[in-house]
Amino acid sequence: MFCNTIRKRPELVSYIRKLTLDGLSGTPLPPLELLPTRIEVLRVVGMELPNPWVLAALSTSRASVRELVFRDCHMTDPKPCLALPELLPSLKRFEIDQSWLRSREEVNNAHPHLRGYCLPDVRSLSLTADPAVPLDWSEPGTRPLPCGNLSVLKVSWDGTDMSAFAEYLQDAGPGLHKLDIGLGPNVAIKMGALGLVPPSLDKCVNLRSLAIDIKVDPLFIRFSRTYLSYVPILLEGLPGRCKQLQQVGLTLRMSRLATSADLNALDWERVGQILSKAASLRQVSTRIVGDGDELREQIGPYFKEKLHVLVQRKLLQCYVSTRKADA
């Protein structure tokens, strides 16, 4: 509809405030001359980027776009998409979710002048692409991602760029109110098997909500029986420093081979003891995503036993999603 309107009734385009561009396969190119628009929310779904219609929508609404979302997109070169917020002075929320980037080798070998970019007054940032969006795009002494005004961060981290991720959490941490970290399989290998220390959350002193998403797979036991030992280490920076922390969520995605016994790779008693020290905490939720009725029957009693210290404070909530987990 947007494409037809902008070609046949361009005077109506200025009334559009929210726009979703989905697919657009085979759509003719936009006109060369475009009237200004005032789009505030632009969502781009299932498209190959860059795309001339996306550029048309952004170029005509440069001053008004407050929310920009790329979902299920393929980015042959992520640099132009990551650099777009530089051109959008009103942007407050930027997401790259479930999208596909070029290989990390191509990213790392990119010409240096292509790497540095600076985002404006972004308050909410979501980067959950596959592979994970590289966090270290900057030249020495520059900051590739927003820090000062960011309050909501959702990121998938696969264990690479560890120093860049740790440094970014130190810089952005004080302003964050909500932090959602998805930890890929490589994190379990690097943390559990190699004994590396996870990035510190000690600067995230103003968190209200923390969510951690991890994968449980018995195949990781060959690296270490306690390959999830980095999770309590990650949490140890929070109690005592987060005076406003109210919610903590732990999501465990079980592989097809995993059973409830594989949950023992994580020291739940230690997790409970750490979180029980957070006086402001109002809810701790555990969510298991996997296959089979066994999980639904066993998970409740399992967590009530392992996290009894949280049960005593009436903080614990347990959920089971019995659907197919990722392989």
C-alpha atoms as a PDB file:
ATOM      1  CA  MET A   1       0.000   0.000   0.000  1.00  0.00           C
ATOM      2  CA  PHE A   2       2.818   2.409   0.888  1.00  0.00           C
ATOM      3  CA  CYS A   3       4.538   1.707  -2.427  1.00  0.00           C
ATOM      4  CA  ASN A   4       1.365   2.334  -4.445  1.00  0.00           C
ATOM      5  CA  THR A   5       0.492   5.428  -2.428  1.00  0.00           C
ATOM      6  CA  ILE A   6       3.896   7.026  -2.787  1.00  0.00           C
ATOM      7  CA  ARG A   7       3.680   6.582  -6.586  1.00  0.00           C
ATOM      8  CA  LYS A   8      -0.004   7.425  -7.213  1.00  0.00           C
ATOM      9  CA  ARG A   9      -1.045   9.688  -4.292  1.00  0.00           C
ATOM     10  CA  PRO A  10       2.203  11.044  -2.853  1.00  0.00           C
ATOM     11  CA  GLU A  11       0.334  13.828  -1.011  1.00  0.00           C
ATOM     12  CA  LEU A  12      -1.188  11.191   1.328  1.00  0.00           C
ATOM     13  CA  VAL A  13       2.148   9.804   2.453  1.00  0.00           C
ATOM     14  CA  SER A  14       2.660  12.645   4.915  1.00  0.00           C
ATOM     15  CA  TYR A  15      -0.145  11.205   7.088  1.00  0.00           C
ATOM     16  CA  ILE A  16       1.677   7.903   7.713  1.00  0.00           C
ATOM     17  CA  ARG A  17       3.127   7.594  11.228  1.00  0.00           C
ATOM     18  CA  LYS A  18       3.753   3.829  11.502  1.00  0.00           C
ATOM     19  CA  LEU A  19       4.990   1.767   8.563  1.00  0.00           C
ATOM     20  CA  THR A  20       5.908  -1.911   8.122  1.00  0.00           C
ATOM     21  CA  LEU A  21       7.736  -2.926   4.961  1.00  0.00           C
ATOM     22  CA  ASP A  22       7.407  -6.690   4.533  1.00  0.00           C
ATOM     23  CA  GLY A  23       8.970  -8.569   1.624  1.00  0.00           C
ATOM     24  CA  LEU A  24       8.326  -6.246  -1.335  1.00  0.00           C
ATOM     25  CA  SER A  25       9.738  -8.816  -3.748  1.00  0.00           C
ATOM     26  CA  GLY A  26       9.374  -7.624  -7.352  1.00  0.00           C
ATOM     27  CA  THR A  27       8.156  -4.156  -6.364  1.00  0.00           C
ATOM     28  CA  PRO A  28       9.175  -1.395  -8.836  1.00  0.00           C
ATOM     29  CA  LEU A  29      11.731   1.148  -7.695  1.00  0.00           C
ATOM     30  CA  PRO A  30      10.455   4.235  -5.842  1.00  0.00           C
ATOM     31  CA  PRO A  31      10.210   7.543  -7.712  1.00  0.00           C
ATOM     32  CA  LEU A  32      13.301   9.704  -7.841  1.00  0.00           C
ATOM     33  CA  GLU A  33      11.405  12.723  -6.471  1.00  0.00           C
ATOM     34  CA  LEU A  34       9.759  12.087  -3.086  1.00  0.00           C
ATOM     35  CA  LEU A  35       7.766  14.360  -0.810  1.00  0.00           C
ATOM     36  CA  PRO A  36       8.760  14.577   2.861  1.00  0.00           C
ATOM     37  CA  THR A  37       7.014  12.141   5.212  1.00  0.00           C
ATOM     38  CA  ARG A  38       6.683  12.009   9.004  1.00  0.00           C
ATOM     39  CA  ILE A  39       7.054   8.308   9.747  1.00  0.00           C
ATOM     40  CA  GLU A  40       7.807   7.748  13.437  1.00  0.00           C
ATOM     41  CA  VAL A  41       7.937   3.933  13.587  1.00  0.00           C
ATOM     42  CA  LEU A  42       9.522   1.949  10.737  1.00  0.00           C
ATOM     43  CA  ARG A  43       9.640  -1.859  10.825  1.00  0.00           C
ATOM     44  CA  VAL A  44      11.403  -3.790   8.077  1.00  0.00           C
ATOM     45  CA  VAL A  45      10.587  -7.510   7.895  1.00  0.00           C
ATOM     46  CA  GLY A  46      11.927 -10.343   5.735  1.00  0.00           C
ATOM     47  CA  MET A  47      13.919  -8.257   3.289  1.00  0.00           C
ATOM     48  CA  GLU A  48      17.338  -8.236   1.657  1.00  0.00           C
ATOM     49  CA  LEU A  49      19.179  -5.105   2.705  1.00  0.00           C
ATOM     50  CA  PRO A  50      19.983  -2.507   1.605  1.00  0.00           C
ATOM     51  CA  ASN A  51      16.650  -1.948  -0.184  1.00  0.00           C
ATOM     52  CA  PRO A  52      15.616   1.170  -2.152  1.00  0.00           C
ATOM     53  CA  TRP A  53      12.180   1.340  -0.494  1.00  0.00           C
ATOM     54  CA  VAL A  54      13.707   1.258   2.970  1.00  0.00           C
ATOM     55  CA  LEU A  55      16.090   4.028   1.974  1.00  0.00           C
ATOM     56  CA  ALA A  56      13.178   6.009   0.510  1.00  0.00           C
ATOM     57  CA  ALA A  57      11.153   5.722   3.712  1.00  0.00           C
ATOM     58  CA  LEU A  58      14.133   6.734   5.841  1.00  0.00           C
ATOM     59  CA  SER A  59      15.366   9.558   3.648  1.00  0.00           C
ATOM     60  CA  THR A  60      11.938  11.239   3.582  1.00  0.00           C
ATOM     61  CA  SER A  61      11.418  10.809   7.360  1.00  0.00           C
ATOM     62  CA  ARG A  62      14.927  11.456   8.571  1.00  0.00           C
ATOM     63  CA  ALA A  63      13.895  13.937  11.264  1.00  0.00           C
ATOM     64  CA  SER A  64      10.837  12.037  12.567  1.00  0.00           C
ATOM     65  CA  VAL A  65      11.836   8.350  12.888  1.00  0.00           C
ATOM     66  CA  ARG A  66      11.903   7.409  16.576  1.00  0.00           C
ATOM     67  CA  GLU A  67      11.858   3.602  16.265  1.00  0.00           C
ATOM     68  CA  LEU A  68      13.681   1.503  13.655  1.00  0.00           C
ATOM     69  CA  VAL A  69      13.419  -2.294  13.591  1.00  0.00           C
ATOM     70  CA  PHE A  70      14.972  -4.833  11.214  1.00  0.00           C
ATOM     71  CA  ARG A  71      13.546  -8.330  11.701  1.00  0.00           C
ATOM     72  CA  ASP A  72      14.200 -11.543   9.721  1.00  0.00           C
ATOM     73  CA  CYS A  73      16.328  -9.590   7.268  1.00  0.00           C
ATOM     74  CA  HIS A  74      19.473 -10.570   5.380  1.00  0.00           C
ATOM     75  CA  MET A  75      22.297  -8.060   5.416  1.00  0.00           C
ATOM     76  CA  THR A  76      25.046  -8.821   2.935  1.00  0.00           C
ATOM     77  CA  ASP A  77      26.958  -5.945   4.491  1.00  0.00           C
ATOM     78  CA  PRO A  78      25.701  -4.880   7.951  1.00  0.00           C
ATOM     79  CA  LYS A  79      27.715  -1.660   7.979  1.00  0.00           C
ATOM     80  CA  PRO A  80      25.147   0.531   6.145  1.00  0.00           C
ATOM     81  CA  CYS A  81      22.360  -0.693   8.427  1.00  0.00           C
ATOM     82  CA  LEU A  82      24.407  -0.163  11.576  1.00  0.00           C
ATOM     83  CA  ALA A  83      25.322   3.320  10.386  1.00  0.00           C
ATOM     84  CA  LEU A  84      21.726   4.405   9.694  1.00  0.00           C
ATOM     85  CA  PRO A  85      21.090   5.744  13.223  1.00  0.00           C
ATOM     86  CA  GLU A  86      23.768   8.378  12.629  1.00  0.00           C
ATOM     87  CA  LEU A  87      21.358   9.980  10.178  1.00  0.00           C
ATOM     88  CA  LEU A  88      18.283   9.846  12.422  1.00  0.00           C
ATOM     89  CA  PRO A  89      18.495  12.529  15.135  1.00  0.00           C
ATOM     90  CA  SER A  90      15.167  11.590  16.792  1.00  0.00           C
ATOM     91  CA  LEU A  91      15.867   7.852  17.047  1.00  0.00           C
ATOM     92  CA  LYS A  92      15.179   6.348  20.479  1.00  0.00           C
ATOM     93  CA  ARG A  93      14.871   2.627  19.726  1.00  0.00           C
ATOM     94  CA  PHE A  94      16.979   0.555  17.316  1.00  0.00           C
ATOM     95  CA  GLU A  95      16.662  -3.200  16.797  1.00  0.00           C
ATOM     96  CA  ILE A  96      18.330  -5.805  14.614  1.00  0.00           C
ATOM     97  CA  ASP A  97      16.484  -9.013  15.529  1.00  0.00           C
ATOM     98  CA  GLN A  98      16.769 -12.515  14.088  1.00  0.00           C
ATOM     99  CA  SER A  99      18.625 -11.265  11.043  1.00  0.00           C
ATOM    100  CA  TRP A 100      21.596 -12.684   9.169  1.00  0.00           C
ATOM    101  CA  LEU A 101      24.868 -10.870   8.771  1.00  0.00           C
ATOM    102  CA  ARG A 102      27.812 -11.603   6.546  1.00  0.00           C
ATOM    103  CA  SER A 103      30.588 -13.777   7.952  1.00  0.00           C
ATOM    104  CA  ARG A 104      32.624 -12.526  10.902  1.00  0.00           C
ATOM    105  CA  GLU A 105      35.784 -12.910   8.814  1.00  0.00           C
ATOM    106  CA  GLU A 106      34.447 -10.357   6.344  1.00  0.00           C
ATOM    107  CA  VAL A 107      33.538  -8.040   9.201  1.00  0.00           C
ATOM    108  CA  ASN A 108      36.940  -8.312  10.860  1.00  0.00           C
ATOM    109  CA  ASN A 109      38.712  -7.756   7.538  1.00  0.00           C
ATOM    110  CA  ALA A 110      36.665  -4.688   6.631  1.00  0.00           C
ATOM    111  CA  HIS A 111      38.607  -1.570   5.768  1.00  0.00           C
ATOM    112  CA  PRO A 112      39.311   0.422   8.965  1.00  0.00           C
ATOM    113  CA  HIS A 113      37.484   3.557   7.788  1.00  0.00           C
ATOM    114  CA  LEU A 114      34.272   1.519   7.523  1.00  0.00           C
ATOM    115  CA  ARG A 115      34.251   0.380  11.137  1.00  0.00           C
ATOM    116  CA  GLY A 116      33.757   3.452  13.260  1.00  0.00           C
ATOM    117  CA  TYR A 117      30.234   4.791  13.739  1.00  0.00           C
ATOM    118  CA  CYS A 118      28.389   6.652  16.446  1.00  0.00           C
ATOM    119  CA  LEU A 119      24.720   6.364  17.390  1.00  0.00           C
ATOM    120  CA  PRO A 120      22.662   9.338  18.586  1.00  0.00           C
ATOM    121  CA  ASP A 121      20.304   9.559  21.549  1.00  0.00           C
ATOM    122  CA  VAL A 122      19.243   5.886  21.450  1.00  0.00           C
ATOM    123  CA  ARG A 123      17.452   4.691  24.594  1.00  0.00           C
ATOM    124  CA  SER A 124      16.707   1.067  23.581  1.00  0.00           C
ATOM    125  CA  LEU A 125      19.083  -1.170  21.613  1.00  0.00           C
ATOM    126  CA  SER A 126      18.424  -4.754  20.516  1.00  0.00           C
ATOM    127  CA  LEU A 127      21.050  -6.775  18.633  1.00  0.00           C
ATOM    128  CA  THR A 128      20.089 -10.442  18.226  1.00  0.00           C
ATOM    129  CA  ALA A 129      21.364 -11.335  14.784  1.00  0.00           C
ATOM    130  CA  ASP A 130      22.947 -14.564  13.534  1.00  0.00           C
ATOM    131  CA  PRO A 131      25.880 -14.547  13.895  1.00  0.00           C
ATOM    132  CA  ALA A 132      25.877 -12.115  16.799  1.00  0.00           C
ATOM    133  CA  VAL A 133      26.385  -8.499  15.812  1.00  0.00           C
ATOM    134  CA  PRO A 134      30.091  -7.748  16.300  1.00  0.00           C
ATOM    135  CA  LEU A 135      30.528  -5.411  19.252  1.00  0.00           C
ATOM    136  CA  ASP A 136      34.013  -4.192  18.416  1.00  0.00           C
ATOM    137  CA  TRP A 137      33.576  -1.985  15.349  1.00  0.00           C
ATOM    138  CA  SER A 138      35.526   0.969  16.624  1.00  0.00           C
ATOM    139  CA  GLU A 139      38.945   2.371  16.184  1.00  0.00           C
ATOM    140  CA  PRO A 140      40.946   2.870  19.413  1.00  0.00           C
ATOM    141  CA  GLY A 141      39.488   5.648  21.529  1.00  0.00           C
ATOM    142  CA  THR A 142      36.016   5.646  19.948  1.00  0.00           C
ATOM    143  CA  ARG A 143      32.687   4.145  21.060  1.00  0.00           C
ATOM    144  CA  PRO A 144      30.782   2.135  18.414  1.00  0.00           C
ATOM    145  CA  LEU A 145      27.540   1.765  20.411  1.00  0.00           C
ATOM    146  CA  PRO A 146      25.415   4.188  22.455  1.00  0.00           C
ATOM    147  CA  CYS A 147      26.218   4.438  26.140  1.00  0.00           C
ATOM    148  CA  GLY A 148      25.151   7.626  27.890  1.00  0.00           C
ATOM    149  CA  ASN A 149      21.389   7.553  27.254  1.00  0.00           C
ATOM    150  CA  LEU A 150      20.851   3.813  26.799  1.00  0.00           C
ATOM    151  CA  SER A 151      18.455   2.278  29.337  1.00  0.00           C
ATOM    152  CA  VAL A 152      17.366  -0.963  27.589  1.00  0.00           C
ATOM    153  CA  LEU A 153      19.859  -3.413  26.079  1.00  0.00           C
ATOM    154  CA  LYS A 154      19.073  -6.779  24.509  1.00  0.00           C
ATOM    155  CA  VAL A 155      22.042  -8.554  23.005  1.00  0.00           C
ATOM    156  CA  SER A 156      23.051 -12.002  21.790  1.00  0.00           C
ATOM    157  CA  TRP A 157      26.629 -12.753  22.757  1.00  0.00           C
ATOM    158  CA  ASP A 158      28.483 -15.769  21.383  1.00  0.00           C
ATOM    159  CA  GLY A 159      31.658 -15.429  23.425  1.00  0.00           C
ATOM    160  CA  THR A 160      33.652 -13.505  20.840  1.00  0.00           C
ATOM    161  CA  ASP A 161      34.774  -9.896  21.247  1.00  0.00           C
ATOM    162  CA  MET A 162      34.904 -10.614  24.986  1.00  0.00           C
ATOM    163  CA  SER A 163      37.000  -7.597  25.876  1.00  0.00           C
ATOM    164  CA  ALA A 164      34.801  -5.313  23.769  1.00  0.00           C
ATOM    165  CA  PHE A 165      31.642  -6.679  25.419  1.00  0.00           C
ATOM    166  CA  ALA A 166      33.110  -6.334  28.903  1.00  0.00           C
ATOM    167  CA  GLU A 167      34.231  -2.770  28.185  1.00  0.00           C
ATOM    168  CA  TYR A 168      30.847  -1.866  26.762  1.00  0.00           C
ATOM    169  CA  LEU A 169      29.030  -3.162  29.853  1.00  0.00           C
ATOM    170  CA  GLN A 170      31.340  -1.047  31.986  1.00  0.00           C
ATOM    171  CA  ASP A 171      30.512   2.053  29.933  1.00  0.00           C
ATOM    172  CA  ALA A 172      26.779   1.507  29.392  1.00  0.00           C
ATOM    173  CA  GLY A 173      26.103  -0.260  32.698  1.00  0.00           C
ATOM    174  CA  PRO A 174      25.299   2.721  34.948  1.00  0.00           C
ATOM    175  CA  GLY A 175      22.438   3.852  32.686  1.00  0.00           C
ATOM    176  CA  LEU A 176      20.827   0.452  32.069  1.00  0.00           C
ATOM    177  CA  HIS A 177      17.430  -0.286  33.603  1.00  0.00           C
ATOM    178  CA  LYS A 178      16.778  -3.475  31.628  1.00  0.00           C
ATOM    179  CA  LEU A 179      19.408  -5.951  30.434  1.00  0.00           C
ATOM    180  CA  ASP A 180      18.644  -9.078  28.392  1.00  0.00           C
ATOM    181  CA  ILE A 181      21.645 -11.254  27.479  1.00  0.00           C
ATOM    182  CA  GLY A 182      21.386 -14.301  25.220  1.00  0.00           C
ATOM    183  CA  LEU A 183      24.438 -16.526  25.716  1.00  0.00           C
ATOM    184  CA  GLY A 184      25.349 -18.801  22.820  1.00  0.00           C
ATOM    185  CA  PRO A 185      26.953 -22.269  22.992  1.00  0.00           C
ATOM    186  CA  ASN A 186      30.446 -20.860  22.518  1.00  0.00           C
ATOM    187  CA  VAL A 187      30.104 -18.999  25.801  1.00  0.00           C
ATOM    188  CA  ALA A 188      29.645 -22.289  27.673  1.00  0.00           C
ATOM    189  CA  ILE A 189      32.747 -23.704  26.005  1.00  0.00           C
ATOM    190  CA  LYS A 190      34.920 -20.656  26.634  1.00  0.00           C
ATOM    191  CA  MET A 191      33.718 -19.988  30.171  1.00  0.00           C
ATOM    192  CA  GLY A 192      33.192 -23.522  31.434  1.00  0.00           C
ATOM    193  CA  ALA A 193      35.946 -25.417  29.660  1.00  0.00           C
ATOM    194  CA  LEU A 194      38.650 -22.766  29.446  1.00  0.00           C
ATOM    195  CA  GLY A 195      37.905 -21.262  32.846  1.00  0.00           C
ATOM    196  CA  LEU A 196      37.552 -17.729  31.524  1.00  0.00           C
ATOM    197  CA  VAL A 197      35.786 -15.137  33.659  1.00  0.00           C
ATOM    198  CA  PRO A 198      32.545 -13.661  32.237  1.00  0.00           C
ATOM    199  CA  PRO A 199      32.141  -9.899  31.798  1.00  0.00           C
ATOM    200  CA  SER A 200      31.363  -8.086  35.019  1.00  0.00           C
ATOM    201  CA  LEU A 201      27.962  -6.520  35.707  1.00  0.00           C
ATOM    202  CA  ASP A 202      29.278  -4.494  38.637  1.00  0.00           C
ATOM    203  CA  LYS A 203      28.607  -1.186  36.867  1.00  0.00           C
ATOM    204  CA  CYS A 204      24.952  -2.051  36.201  1.00  0.00           C
ATOM    205  CA  VAL A 205      23.918  -0.440  39.453  1.00  0.00           C
ATOM    206  CA  ASN A 206      20.524   0.859  38.288  1.00  0.00           C
ATOM    207  CA  LEU A 207      19.076  -2.339  36.825  1.00  0.00           C
ATOM    208  CA  ARG A 208      15.387  -3.011  37.403  1.00  0.00           C
ATOM    209  CA  SER A 209      15.275  -6.165  35.271  1.00  0.00           C
ATOM    210  CA  LEU A 210      17.868  -8.765  34.250  1.00  0.00           C
ATOM    211  CA  ALA A 211      17.216 -11.679  31.872  1.00  0.00           C
ATOM    212  CA  ILE A 212      19.741 -14.370  30.961  1.00  0.00           C
ATOM    213  CA  ASP A 213      19.082 -16.868  28.161  1.00  0.00           C
ATOM    214  CA  ILE A 214      21.382 -19.922  27.972  1.00  0.00           C
ATOM    215  CA  LYS A 215      21.538 -23.274  26.214  1.00  0.00           C
ATOM    216  CA  VAL A 216      21.695 -26.641  27.981  1.00  0.00           C
ATOM    217  CA  ASP A 217      23.278 -29.476  26.011  1.00  0.00           C
ATOM    218  CA  PRO A 218      24.828 -32.686  27.436  1.00  0.00           C
ATOM    219  CA  LEU A 219      27.428 -32.567  24.653  1.00  0.00           C
ATOM    220  CA  PHE A 220      29.072 -29.655  26.481  1.00  0.00           C
ATOM    221  CA  ILE A 221      29.876 -31.973  29.406  1.00  0.00           C
ATOM    222  CA  ARG A 222      32.871 -33.269  27.461  1.00  0.00           C
ATOM    223  CA  PHE A 223      34.404 -29.821  27.983  1.00  0.00           C
ATOM    224  CA  SER A 224      33.352 -29.489  31.612  1.00  0.00           C
ATOM    225  CA  ARG A 225      30.692 -31.056  33.858  1.00  0.00           C
ATOM    226  CA  THR A 226      30.008 -27.614  35.274  1.00  0.00           C
ATOM    227  CA  TYR A 227      30.068 -25.758  31.963  1.00  0.00           C
ATOM    228  CA  LEU A 228      27.386 -23.354  33.240  1.00  0.00           C
ATOM    229  CA  SER A 229      29.443 -22.307  36.259  1.00  0.00           C
ATOM    230  CA  TYR A 230      29.908 -18.866  34.718  1.00  0.00           C
ATOM    231  CA  VAL A 231      26.228 -18.003  35.367  1.00  0.00           C
ATOM    232  CA  PRO A 232      26.528 -17.517  39.161  1.00  0.00           C
ATOM    233  CA  ILE A 233      29.811 -15.686  38.591  1.00  0.00           C
ATOM    234  CA  LEU A 234      27.935 -13.343  36.262  1.00  0.00           C
ATOM    235  CA  LEU A 235      25.267 -12.767  38.915  1.00  0.00           C
ATOM    236  CA  GLU A 236      27.671 -12.108  41.761  1.00  0.00           C
ATOM    237  CA  GLY A 237      28.204  -8.513  40.684  1.00  0.00           C
ATOM    238  CA  LEU A 238      24.541  -7.648  41.262  1.00  0.00           C
ATOM    239  CA  PRO A 239      23.345  -7.988  44.895  1.00  0.00           C
ATOM    240  CA  GLY A 240      24.385  -5.091  47.062  1.00  0.00           C
ATOM    241  CA  ARG A 241      25.004  -2.905  44.035  1.00  0.00           C
ATOM    242  CA  CYS A 242      21.572  -3.048  42.400  1.00  0.00           C
ATOM    243  CA  LYS A 243      19.348  -1.333  44.936  1.00  0.00           C
ATOM    244  CA  GLN A 244      16.427  -1.233  42.468  1.00  0.00           C
ATOM    245  CA  LEU A 245      16.620  -4.729  40.954  1.00  0.00           C
ATOM    246  CA  GLN A 246      13.115  -6.211  40.935  1.00  0.00           C
ATOM    247  CA  GLN A 247      13.095  -8.997  38.331  1.00  0.00           C
ATOM    248  CA  VAL A 248      15.560 -11.693  37.319  1.00  0.00           C
ATOM    249  CA  GLY A 249      14.698 -14.209  34.613  1.00  0.00           C
ATOM    250  CA  LEU A 250      16.669 -17.324  33.662  1.00  0.00           C
ATOM    251  CA  THR A 251      15.685 -19.086  30.425  1.00  0.00           C
ATOM    252  CA  LEU A 252      17.283 -22.453  29.673  1.00  0.00           C
ATOM    253  CA  ARG A 253      16.906 -23.806  26.161  1.00  0.00           C
ATOM    254  CA  MET A 254      17.278 -27.581  26.283  1.00  0.00           C
ATOM    255  CA  SER A 255      18.745 -29.388  23.297  1.00  0.00           C
ATOM    256  CA  ARG A 256      16.895 -32.439  21.994  1.00  0.00           C
ATOM    257  CA  LEU A 257      19.302 -34.667  23.922  1.00  0.00           C
ATOM    258  CA  ALA A 258      18.969 -32.832  27.225  1.00  0.00           C
ATOM    259  CA  THR A 259      16.964 -34.028  30.235  1.00  0.00           C
ATOM    260  CA  SER A 260      16.230 -32.491  33.605  1.00  0.00           C
ATOM    261  CA  ALA A 261      19.422 -34.139  34.941  1.00  0.00           C
ATOM    262  CA  ASP A 262      21.470 -31.850  32.693  1.00  0.00           C
ATOM    263  CA  LEU A 263      20.302 -28.848  34.695  1.00  0.00           C
ATOM    264  CA  ASN A 264      22.823 -29.901  37.353  1.00  0.00           C
ATOM    265  CA  ALA A 265      25.554 -28.309  35.225  1.00  0.00           C
ATOM    266  CA  LEU A 266      24.450 -25.084  36.921  1.00  0.00           C
ATOM    267  CA  ASP A 267      24.939 -24.587  40.653  1.00  0.00           C
ATOM    268  CA  TRP A 268      21.367 -23.567  41.480  1.00  0.00           C
ATOM    269  CA  GLU A 269      21.938 -23.425  45.225  1.00  0.00           C
ATOM    270  CA  ARG A 270      24.629 -20.822  44.638  1.00  0.00           C
ATOM    271  CA  VAL A 271      22.326 -18.883  42.303  1.00  0.00           C
ATOM    272  CA  GLY A 272      19.653 -18.890  44.998  1.00  0.00           C
ATOM    273  CA  GLN A 273      22.048 -17.682  47.673  1.00  0.00           C
ATOM    274  CA  ILE A 274      23.306 -14.851  45.460  1.00  0.00           C
ATOM    275  CA  LEU A 275      19.842 -13.625  44.481  1.00  0.00           C
ATOM    276  CA  SER A 276      18.440 -13.978  47.997  1.00  0.00           C
ATOM    277  CA  LYS A 277      20.761 -11.148  49.083  1.00  0.00           C
ATOM    278  CA  ALA A 278      19.010  -8.673  46.783  1.00  0.00           C
ATOM    279  CA  ALA A 279      16.541  -7.019  49.154  1.00  0.00           C
ATOM    280  CA  SER A 280      14.689  -5.184  46.377  1.00  0.00           C
ATOM    281  CA  LEU A 281      14.010  -8.348  44.361  1.00  0.00           C
ATOM    282  CA  ARG A 282      10.320  -9.094  43.732  1.00  0.00           C
ATOM    283  CA  GLN A 283      10.430 -11.982  41.261  1.00  0.00           C
ATOM    284  CA  VAL A 284      12.808 -14.680  40.026  1.00  0.00           C
ATOM    285  CA  SER A 285      11.530 -16.714  37.099  1.00  0.00           C
ATOM    286  CA  THR A 286      12.968 -19.861  35.564  1.00  0.00           C
ATOM    287  CA  ARG A 287      11.751 -20.853  32.120  1.00  0.00           C
ATOM    288  CA  ILE A 288      12.653 -24.168  30.520  1.00  0.00           C
ATOM    289  CA  VAL A 289      12.238 -24.548  26.766  1.00  0.00           C
ATOM    290  CA  GLY A 290      12.439 -28.122  25.517  1.00  0.00           C
ATOM    291  CA  ASP A 291      10.658 -31.356  24.577  1.00  0.00           C
ATOM    292  CA  GLY A 292       8.574 -33.878  26.459  1.00  0.00           C
ATOM    293  CA  ASP A 293       6.174 -34.148  29.392  1.00  0.00           C
ATOM    294  CA  GLU A 294       9.050 -35.135  31.693  1.00  0.00           C
ATOM    295  CA  LEU A 295      10.097 -31.526  31.949  1.00  0.00           C
ATOM    296  CA  ARG A 296       6.652 -30.310  33.001  1.00  0.00           C
ATOM    297  CA  GLU A 297       6.420 -32.986  35.676  1.00  0.00           C
ATOM    298  CA  GLN A 298       9.910 -32.642  37.105  1.00  0.00           C
ATOM    299  CA  ILE A 299      10.902 -28.997  36.743  1.00  0.00           C
ATOM    300  CA  GLY A 300       8.606 -27.580  39.426  1.00  0.00           C
ATOM    301  CA  PRO A 301       9.818 -29.887  42.223  1.00  0.00           C
ATOM    302  CA  TYR A 302      13.418 -29.592  40.985  1.00  0.00           C
ATOM    303  CA  PHE A 303      13.551 -25.814  41.286  1.00  0.00           C
ATOM    304  CA  LYS A 304      11.583 -25.707  44.527  1.00  0.00           C
ATOM    305  CA  GLU A 305      14.261 -27.920  46.039  1.00  0.00           C
ATOM    306  CA  LYS A 306      17.292 -26.235  44.478  1.00  0.00           C
ATOM    307  CA  LEU A 307      16.028 -22.677  44.963  1.00  0.00           C
ATOM    308  CA  HIS A 308      14.258 -23.184  48.282  1.00  0.00           C
ATOM    309  CA  VAL A 309      15.784 -19.970  49.654  1.00  0.00           C
ATOM    310  CA  LEU A 310      13.839 -18.058  46.978  1.00  0.00           C
ATOM    311  CA  VAL A 311      10.704 -20.118  47.639  1.00  0.00           C
ATOM    312  CA  GLN A 312      10.854 -19.029  51.274  1.00  0.00           C
ATOM    313  CA  ARG A 313      10.764 -15.397  50.146  1.00  0.00           C
ATOM    314  CA  LYS A 314       7.924 -16.200  47.709  1.00  0.00           C
ATOM    315  CA  LEU A 315       9.992 -14.938  44.783  1.00  0.00           C
ATOM    316  CA  LEU A 316      10.181 -18.021  42.556  1.00  0.00           C
ATOM    317  CA  GLN A 317       8.049 -18.640  39.486  1.00  0.00           C
ATOM    318  CA  CYS A 318       8.658 -21.644  37.216  1.00  0.00           C
ATOM    319  CA  TYR A 319       7.562 -22.051  33.597  1.00  0.00           C
ATOM    320  CA  VAL A 320       7.942 -24.859  31.080  1.00  0.00           C
ATOM    321  CA  SER A 321       7.488 -24.485  27.323  1.00  0.00           C
ATOM    322  CA  THR A 322       7.279 -28.009  25.894  1.00  0.00           C
ATOM    323  CA  ARG A 323       8.014 -27.208  22.325  1.00  0.00           C
ATOM    324  CA  LYS A 324      10.907 -28.244  20.156  1.00  0.00           C
ATOM    325  CA  ALA A 325      14.098 -26.653  21.351  1.00  0.00           C
ATOM    326  CA  ASP A 326      16.829 -25.523  19.044  1.00  0.00           C
ATOM    327  CA  ALA A 327      19.135 -28.309  17.949  1.00  0.00           C
END
